[in-house]
Amino acid sequence: MPDSRPQTAEDHYRGGRAEHYEAHHRKNLRTRLTTWRERQVLVNALRDAGSPRSALDLPCGTGRFWSAFERAGVDDLIAGDASEGMLGVAAGNRLGEHLPSKLIQSSAFAMDLPDDAVDFAACLRFYHHLSRREDRIRLLAELRRVAREYVAISLWVDGNLGALRRLRRPARPVEVGYGRRICQRRHDAEAEFREAGFSIVRHYDVWPLVGMWRMYLLRIDG
């Protein structure tokens, strides 16, 4: 019987792959500009959420977005990742002694945190690796559990030039948990957010009308 449990990214970034991941996002002007825009988008989302003092970055990768949390005034940042390799690189990228204030190894599907642990939870560059609806809903439930009010999620959506090319390709097989990247229809993604108990506060396109990257700022209902 196949394993239906979500799988984390832990096995994907061993043996120097975390270092390669970090280098990839610095390799040329395009990747550096995209990172700069994503950081700015995150700063905007944090400010639109009322400049929370405590936040979660999970999965945090190598810590590429920590400077955005710092710029937005977050002084209590918990960062986590399922991958030991990612955390090893991230530990060397801390912004001083206290940011992040805590670095943990944890699956995004079962976060090693209490309920209402932070004001704001961010899940960046992960959601678009989940092709199964049930995995996305499980992740959303965990984010809703650990955040007191706001959640930010980045993903690939349609309605832009990048998606026109992407969605012309033959559909790939659905994979359990962390897999190859997918582009979602905006209507479908937004329906899942509402089903999981969120209201959509705002969305931010990294490269409007051109690129697939979009971040949603969500508020927990109830």
C-alpha atoms as a PDB file:
ATOM      1  CA  MET A   1       0.000   0.000   0.000  1.00  0.00           C
ATOM      2  CA  PRO A   2       1.490   3.402  -0.959  1.00  0.00           C
ATOM      3  CA  ASP A   3       2.408   5.859   1.777  1.00  0.00           C
ATOM      4  CA  SER A   4      -0.208   8.640   1.807  1.00  0.00           C
ATOM      5  CA  ARG A   5       1.579  10.822   4.357  1.00  0.00           C
ATOM      6  CA  PRO A   6       3.034  14.136   3.189  1.00  0.00           C
ATOM      7  CA  GLN A   7       6.785  14.070   2.711  1.00  0.00           C
ATOM      8  CA  THR A   8       9.027  16.984   3.685  1.00  0.00           C
ATOM      9  CA  ALA A   9      11.963  18.514   1.810  1.00  0.00           C
ATOM     10  CA  GLU A  10      14.436  16.908   4.226  1.00  0.00           C
ATOM     11  CA  ASP A  11      15.959  14.433   1.767  1.00  0.00           C
ATOM     12  CA  HIS A  12      16.372  16.982  -1.006  1.00  0.00           C
ATOM     13  CA  TYR A  13      19.098  19.192   0.471  1.00  0.00           C
ATOM     14  CA  ARG A  14      21.839  16.937   1.750  1.00  0.00           C
ATOM     15  CA  GLY A  15      25.430  16.651   0.611  1.00  0.00           C
ATOM     16  CA  GLY A  16      26.016  20.238  -0.439  1.00  0.00           C
ATOM     17  CA  ARG A  17      22.617  20.779  -2.048  1.00  0.00           C
ATOM     18  CA  ALA A  18      21.679  23.475   0.471  1.00  0.00           C
ATOM     19  CA  GLU A  19      24.805  25.431  -0.473  1.00  0.00           C
ATOM     20  CA  HIS A  20      23.897  24.975  -4.144  1.00  0.00           C
ATOM     21  CA  TYR A  21      20.362  26.231  -3.437  1.00  0.00           C
ATOM     22  CA  GLU A  22      21.726  29.367  -1.791  1.00  0.00           C
ATOM     23  CA  ALA A  23      24.198  30.005  -4.601  1.00  0.00           C
ATOM     24  CA  HIS A  24      21.488  29.491  -7.235  1.00  0.00           C
ATOM     25  CA  HIS A  25      19.508  32.456  -5.931  1.00  0.00           C
ATOM     26  CA  ARG A  26      22.548  34.716  -6.211  1.00  0.00           C
ATOM     27  CA  LYS A  27      23.877  33.475  -9.532  1.00  0.00           C
ATOM     28  CA  ASN A  28      22.778  36.286 -11.853  1.00  0.00           C
ATOM     29  CA  LEU A  29      20.955  39.610 -12.026  1.00  0.00           C
ATOM     30  CA  ARG A  30      17.560  37.980 -12.631  1.00  0.00           C
ATOM     31  CA  THR A  31      17.683  35.787  -9.526  1.00  0.00           C
ATOM     32  CA  ARG A  32      19.020  38.635  -7.361  1.00  0.00           C
ATOM     33  CA  LEU A  33      16.283  40.979  -8.571  1.00  0.00           C
ATOM     34  CA  THR A  34      13.610  38.359  -7.889  1.00  0.00           C
ATOM     35  CA  THR A  35      14.902  37.882  -4.340  1.00  0.00           C
ATOM     36  CA  TRP A  36      14.926  41.662  -3.841  1.00  0.00           C
ATOM     37  CA  ARG A  37      11.317  41.903  -5.044  1.00  0.00           C
ATOM     38  CA  GLU A  38      10.180  38.974  -2.877  1.00  0.00           C
ATOM     39  CA  ARG A  39      11.735  40.589   0.180  1.00  0.00           C
ATOM     40  CA  GLN A  40       9.985  43.870  -0.590  1.00  0.00           C
ATOM     41  CA  VAL A  41       6.671  42.059  -1.031  1.00  0.00           C
ATOM     42  CA  LEU A  42       7.135  40.357   2.339  1.00  0.00           C
ATOM     43  CA  VAL A  43       7.911  43.696   4.009  1.00  0.00           C
ATOM     44  CA  ASN A  44       4.701  45.108   2.523  1.00  0.00           C
ATOM     45  CA  ALA A  45       2.691  42.133   3.791  1.00  0.00           C
ATOM     46  CA  LEU A  46       4.144  42.477   7.294  1.00  0.00           C
ATOM     47  CA  ARG A  47       3.310  46.173   7.370  1.00  0.00           C
ATOM     48  CA  ASP A  48      -0.204  45.519   6.077  1.00  0.00           C
ATOM     49  CA  ALA A  49      -0.551  43.004   8.926  1.00  0.00           C
ATOM     50  CA  GLY A  50       0.107  45.782  11.429  1.00  0.00           C
ATOM     51  CA  SER A  51       3.874  45.265  11.843  1.00  0.00           C
ATOM     52  CA  PRO A  52       3.729  42.178  14.104  1.00  0.00           C
ATOM     53  CA  ARG A  53       6.477  41.744  16.657  1.00  0.00           C
ATOM     54  CA  SER A  54       6.606  37.936  16.491  1.00  0.00           C
ATOM     55  CA  ALA A  55       6.738  35.826  13.332  1.00  0.00           C
ATOM     56  CA  LEU A  56       7.475  32.372  11.965  1.00  0.00           C
ATOM     57  CA  ASP A  57       9.469  31.599   8.803  1.00  0.00           C
ATOM     58  CA  LEU A  58       8.914  27.923   7.924  1.00  0.00           C
ATOM     59  CA  PRO A  59      10.355  26.426   5.860  1.00  0.00           C
ATOM     60  CA  CYS A  60      13.096  29.026   6.108  1.00  0.00           C
ATOM     61  CA  GLY A  61      15.590  27.468   3.689  1.00  0.00           C
ATOM     62  CA  THR A  62      18.942  29.190   4.163  1.00  0.00           C
ATOM     63  CA  GLY A  63      17.427  32.340   5.681  1.00  0.00           C
ATOM     64  CA  ARG A  64      17.034  34.359   2.488  1.00  0.00           C
ATOM     65  CA  PHE A  65      14.067  36.379   3.808  1.00  0.00           C
ATOM     66  CA  TRP A  66      15.277  37.190   7.313  1.00  0.00           C
ATOM     67  CA  SER A  67      16.396  40.695   6.354  1.00  0.00           C
ATOM     68  CA  ALA A  68      12.795  41.469   5.322  1.00  0.00           C
ATOM     69  CA  PHE A  69      11.492  40.435   8.750  1.00  0.00           C
ATOM     70  CA  GLU A  70      14.132  42.650  10.340  1.00  0.00           C
ATOM     71  CA  ARG A  71      13.239  45.628   8.116  1.00  0.00           C
ATOM     72  CA  ALA A  72       9.558  45.267   9.017  1.00  0.00           C
ATOM     73  CA  GLY A  73      10.319  45.429  12.742  1.00  0.00           C
ATOM     74  CA  VAL A  74       9.981  41.768  13.755  1.00  0.00           C
ATOM     75  CA  ASP A  75      12.111  41.225  16.846  1.00  0.00           C
ATOM     76  CA  ASP A  76      11.017  37.689  17.763  1.00  0.00           C
ATOM     77  CA  LEU A  77      11.481  35.440  14.719  1.00  0.00           C
ATOM     78  CA  ILE A  78      11.221  31.661  14.863  1.00  0.00           C
ATOM     79  CA  ALA A  79      12.727  30.029  11.775  1.00  0.00           C
ATOM     80  CA  GLY A  80      12.518  26.358  10.923  1.00  0.00           C
ATOM     81  CA  ASP A  81      13.067  23.814   8.217  1.00  0.00           C
ATOM     82  CA  ALA A  82      12.760  20.052   7.889  1.00  0.00           C
ATOM     83  CA  SER A  83      16.143  19.826   6.186  1.00  0.00           C
ATOM     84  CA  GLU A  84      19.227  19.498   8.348  1.00  0.00           C
ATOM     85  CA  GLY A  85      21.332  20.668   5.409  1.00  0.00           C
ATOM     86  CA  MET A  86      19.311  23.852   5.017  1.00  0.00           C
ATOM     87  CA  LEU A  87      19.512  24.585   8.736  1.00  0.00           C
ATOM     88  CA  GLY A  88      23.271  24.089   8.701  1.00  0.00           C
ATOM     89  CA  VAL A  89      23.673  26.815   6.092  1.00  0.00           C
ATOM     90  CA  ALA A  90      20.994  29.006   7.686  1.00  0.00           C
ATOM     91  CA  ALA A  91      22.791  28.950  11.045  1.00  0.00           C
ATOM     92  CA  GLY A  92      25.691  30.787   9.422  1.00  0.00           C
ATOM     93  CA  ASN A  93      23.366  33.436   7.974  1.00  0.00           C
ATOM     94  CA  ARG A  94      21.866  34.713  11.238  1.00  0.00           C
ATOM     95  CA  LEU A  95      21.501  38.480  11.406  1.00  0.00           C
ATOM     96  CA  GLY A  96      23.327  39.047  14.652  1.00  0.00           C
ATOM     97  CA  GLU A  97      22.826  37.140  17.862  1.00  0.00           C
ATOM     98  CA  HIS A  98      19.034  37.362  18.131  1.00  0.00           C
ATOM     99  CA  LEU A  99      17.551  37.107  14.612  1.00  0.00           C
ATOM    100  CA  PRO A 100      16.155  34.590  14.298  1.00  0.00           C
ATOM    101  CA  SER A 101      15.596  34.189  18.018  1.00  0.00           C
ATOM    102  CA  LYS A 102      15.049  30.451  17.563  1.00  0.00           C
ATOM    103  CA  LEU A 103      16.080  28.012  14.812  1.00  0.00           C
ATOM    104  CA  ILE A 104      14.235  24.676  14.825  1.00  0.00           C
ATOM    105  CA  GLN A 105      14.118  21.506  12.763  1.00  0.00           C
ATOM    106  CA  SER A 106      10.460  20.844  11.992  1.00  0.00           C
ATOM    107  CA  SER A 107       8.184  19.594   9.254  1.00  0.00           C
ATOM    108  CA  ALA A 108       5.796  22.155   7.824  1.00  0.00           C
ATOM    109  CA  PHE A 109       3.055  19.524   8.072  1.00  0.00           C
ATOM    110  CA  ALA A 110       3.515  18.986  11.819  1.00  0.00           C
ATOM    111  CA  MET A 111       5.180  22.048  13.292  1.00  0.00           C
ATOM    112  CA  ASP A 112       7.005  21.615  16.566  1.00  0.00           C
ATOM    113  CA  LEU A 113       5.281  24.674  18.042  1.00  0.00           C
ATOM    114  CA  PRO A 114       2.363  25.335  20.399  1.00  0.00           C
ATOM    115  CA  ASP A 115      -0.949  26.795  19.268  1.00  0.00           C
ATOM    116  CA  ASP A 116      -0.922  30.577  18.702  1.00  0.00           C
ATOM    117  CA  ALA A 117       2.864  30.648  18.902  1.00  0.00           C
ATOM    118  CA  VAL A 118       3.354  33.788  16.778  1.00  0.00           C
ATOM    119  CA  ASP A 119       1.429  36.780  15.467  1.00  0.00           C
ATOM    120  CA  PHE A 120       2.382  36.146  11.844  1.00  0.00           C
ATOM    121  CA  ALA A 121       3.416  32.940  10.030  1.00  0.00           C
ATOM    122  CA  ALA A 122       5.120  32.963   6.622  1.00  0.00           C
ATOM    123  CA  CYS A 123       5.396  29.960   4.311  1.00  0.00           C
ATOM    124  CA  LEU A 124       7.527  31.014   1.342  1.00  0.00           C
ATOM    125  CA  ARG A 125       8.631  29.053  -1.736  1.00  0.00           C
ATOM    126  CA  PHE A 126       7.096  25.793  -0.524  1.00  0.00           C
ATOM    127  CA  TYR A 127       3.378  25.734  -1.308  1.00  0.00           C
ATOM    128  CA  HIS A 128       3.989  25.456  -5.064  1.00  0.00           C
ATOM    129  CA  HIS A 129       5.777  22.133  -4.455  1.00  0.00           C
ATOM    130  CA  LEU A 130       2.539  20.531  -3.192  1.00  0.00           C
ATOM    131  CA  SER A 131       0.487  19.028  -6.007  1.00  0.00           C
ATOM    132  CA  ARG A 132      -1.998  17.192  -3.766  1.00  0.00           C
ATOM    133  CA  ARG A 133      -4.904  19.203  -2.418  1.00  0.00           C
ATOM    134  CA  GLU A 134      -4.928  17.239   0.858  1.00  0.00           C
ATOM    135  CA  ASP A 135      -1.286  18.168   1.523  1.00  0.00           C
ATOM    136  CA  ARG A 136      -1.991  21.846   0.928  1.00  0.00           C
ATOM    137  CA  ILE A 137      -5.003  21.745   3.253  1.00  0.00           C
ATOM    138  CA  ARG A 138      -2.944  20.038   5.945  1.00  0.00           C
ATOM    139  CA  LEU A 139      -0.237  22.693   5.661  1.00  0.00           C
ATOM    140  CA  LEU A 140      -2.820  25.474   5.845  1.00  0.00           C
ATOM    141  CA  ALA A 141      -4.301  23.916   8.975  1.00  0.00           C
ATOM    142  CA  GLU A 142      -0.879  23.909  10.654  1.00  0.00           C
ATOM    143  CA  LEU A 143      -0.250  27.541   9.729  1.00  0.00           C
ATOM    144  CA  ARG A 144      -3.660  28.478  11.087  1.00  0.00           C
ATOM    145  CA  ARG A 145      -2.908  26.617  14.326  1.00  0.00           C
ATOM    146  CA  VAL A 146       0.423  28.286  15.091  1.00  0.00           C
ATOM    147  CA  ALA A 147      -0.452  31.846  13.984  1.00  0.00           C
ATOM    148  CA  ARG A 148      -2.612  34.132  16.081  1.00  0.00           C
ATOM    149  CA  GLU A 149      -3.854  36.378  13.278  1.00  0.00           C
ATOM    150  CA  TYR A 150      -2.001  36.486   9.941  1.00  0.00           C
ATOM    151  CA  VAL A 151      -0.416  34.075   7.477  1.00  0.00           C
ATOM    152  CA  ALA A 152       1.556  34.852   4.310  1.00  0.00           C
ATOM    153  CA  ILE A 153       1.980  32.257   1.555  1.00  0.00           C
ATOM    154  CA  SER A 154       3.865  32.501  -1.728  1.00  0.00           C
ATOM    155  CA  LEU A 155       3.033  30.308  -4.714  1.00  0.00           C
ATOM    156  CA  TRP A 156       2.806  30.194  -8.504  1.00  0.00           C
ATOM    157  CA  VAL A 157      -0.508  31.335  -9.995  1.00  0.00           C
ATOM    158  CA  ASP A 158      -2.031  31.823 -13.425  1.00  0.00           C
ATOM    159  CA  GLY A 159      -2.981  35.119 -15.077  1.00  0.00           C
ATOM    160  CA  ASN A 160       0.500  36.066 -16.330  1.00  0.00           C
ATOM    161  CA  LEU A 161       2.896  35.350 -19.195  1.00  0.00           C
ATOM    162  CA  GLY A 162       4.878  32.770 -17.247  1.00  0.00           C
ATOM    163  CA  ALA A 163       1.766  30.745 -16.497  1.00  0.00           C
ATOM    164  CA  LEU A 164       0.629  30.809 -20.142  1.00  0.00           C
ATOM    165  CA  ARG A 165       3.750  28.892 -21.061  1.00  0.00           C
ATOM    166  CA  ARG A 166       3.648  26.649 -17.991  1.00  0.00           C
ATOM    167  CA  LEU A 167       0.019  25.583 -18.344  1.00  0.00           C
ATOM    168  CA  ARG A 168       0.470  24.578 -21.984  1.00  0.00           C
ATOM    169  CA  ARG A 169       2.672  21.697 -20.882  1.00  0.00           C
ATOM    170  CA  PRO A 170       1.154  18.248 -20.286  1.00  0.00           C
ATOM    171  CA  ALA A 171      -0.114  17.796 -16.730  1.00  0.00           C
ATOM    172  CA  ARG A 172       2.365  16.063 -14.440  1.00  0.00           C
ATOM    173  CA  PRO A 173       1.405  13.179 -12.154  1.00  0.00           C
ATOM    174  CA  VAL A 174       0.213  14.208  -8.700  1.00  0.00           C
ATOM    175  CA  GLU A 175       2.972  13.632  -6.141  1.00  0.00           C
ATOM    176  CA  VAL A 176       2.706  13.006  -2.414  1.00  0.00           C
ATOM    177  CA  GLY A 177       4.019  15.927  -0.368  1.00  0.00           C
ATOM    178  CA  TYR A 178       7.047  17.888  -1.553  1.00  0.00           C
ATOM    179  CA  GLY A 179       7.497  17.415  -5.292  1.00  0.00           C
ATOM    180  CA  ARG A 180       7.952  19.242  -8.570  1.00  0.00           C
ATOM    181  CA  ARG A 181       6.645  22.780  -8.789  1.00  0.00           C
ATOM    182  CA  ILE A 182       3.078  23.457  -9.892  1.00  0.00           C
ATOM    183  CA  CYS A 183       1.161  26.531 -11.042  1.00  0.00           C
ATOM    184  CA  GLN A 184      -2.318  26.858  -9.541  1.00  0.00           C
ATOM    185  CA  ARG A 185      -5.360  28.608 -10.911  1.00  0.00           C
ATOM    186  CA  ARG A 186      -5.934  31.664  -8.741  1.00  0.00           C
ATOM    187  CA  HIS A 187      -9.588  30.747  -8.242  1.00  0.00           C
ATOM    188  CA  ASP A 188      -8.661  27.275  -6.961  1.00  0.00           C
ATOM    189  CA  ALA A 189      -5.929  28.527  -4.608  1.00  0.00           C
ATOM    190  CA  GLU A 190      -8.163  31.211  -3.134  1.00  0.00           C
ATOM    191  CA  ALA A 191     -10.990  28.715  -2.632  1.00  0.00           C
ATOM    192  CA  GLU A 192      -8.615  26.464  -0.662  1.00  0.00           C
ATOM    193  CA  PHE A 193      -7.552  29.367   1.546  1.00  0.00           C
ATOM    194  CA  ARG A 194     -11.171  30.147   2.388  1.00  0.00           C
ATOM    195  CA  GLU A 195     -11.970  26.482   2.989  1.00  0.00           C
ATOM    196  CA  ALA A 196      -9.077  26.314   5.458  1.00  0.00           C
ATOM    197  CA  GLY A 197     -10.540  29.172   7.505  1.00  0.00           C
ATOM    198  CA  PHE A 198      -8.813  32.248   6.092  1.00  0.00           C
ATOM    199  CA  SER A 199      -9.950  35.536   4.625  1.00  0.00           C
ATOM    200  CA  ILE A 200      -7.813  37.054   1.875  1.00  0.00           C
ATOM    201  CA  VAL A 201      -6.571  40.474   2.977  1.00  0.00           C
ATOM    202  CA  ARG A 202      -4.437  41.256  -0.066  1.00  0.00           C
ATOM    203  CA  HIS A 203      -2.239  39.721  -2.720  1.00  0.00           C
ATOM    204  CA  TYR A 204       1.102  40.964  -4.064  1.00  0.00           C
ATOM    205  CA  ASP A 205       2.529  39.966  -7.450  1.00  0.00           C
ATOM    206  CA  VAL A 206       6.318  39.833  -7.535  1.00  0.00           C
ATOM    207  CA  TRP A 207       6.438  40.709 -11.259  1.00  0.00           C
ATOM    208  CA  PRO A 208       2.896  41.802 -12.221  1.00  0.00           C
ATOM    209  CA  LEU A 209       1.555  40.317 -15.479  1.00  0.00           C
ATOM    210  CA  VAL A 210       4.916  38.681 -16.204  1.00  0.00           C
ATOM    211  CA  GLY A 211       5.928  36.225 -13.475  1.00  0.00           C
ATOM    212  CA  MET A 212       3.989  33.492 -11.648  1.00  0.00           C
ATOM    213  CA  TRP A 213       5.109  34.417  -8.117  1.00  0.00           C
ATOM    214  CA  ARG A 214       2.353  35.811  -5.922  1.00  0.00           C
ATOM    215  CA  MET A 215       2.153  36.267  -2.163  1.00  0.00           C
ATOM    216  CA  TYR A 216      -1.146  36.214  -0.300  1.00  0.00           C
ATOM    217  CA  LEU A 217      -1.705  37.878   3.051  1.00  0.00           C
ATOM    218  CA  LEU A 218      -4.394  35.875   4.866  1.00  0.00           C
ATOM    219  CA  ARG A 219      -6.262  36.605   8.088  1.00  0.00           C
ATOM    220  CA  ILE A 220      -7.537  33.826  10.317  1.00  0.00           C
ATOM    221  CA  ASP A 221     -11.332  33.787  10.489  1.00  0.00           C
ATOM    222  CA  GLY A 222     -12.989  33.577  13.876  1.00  0.00           C
END
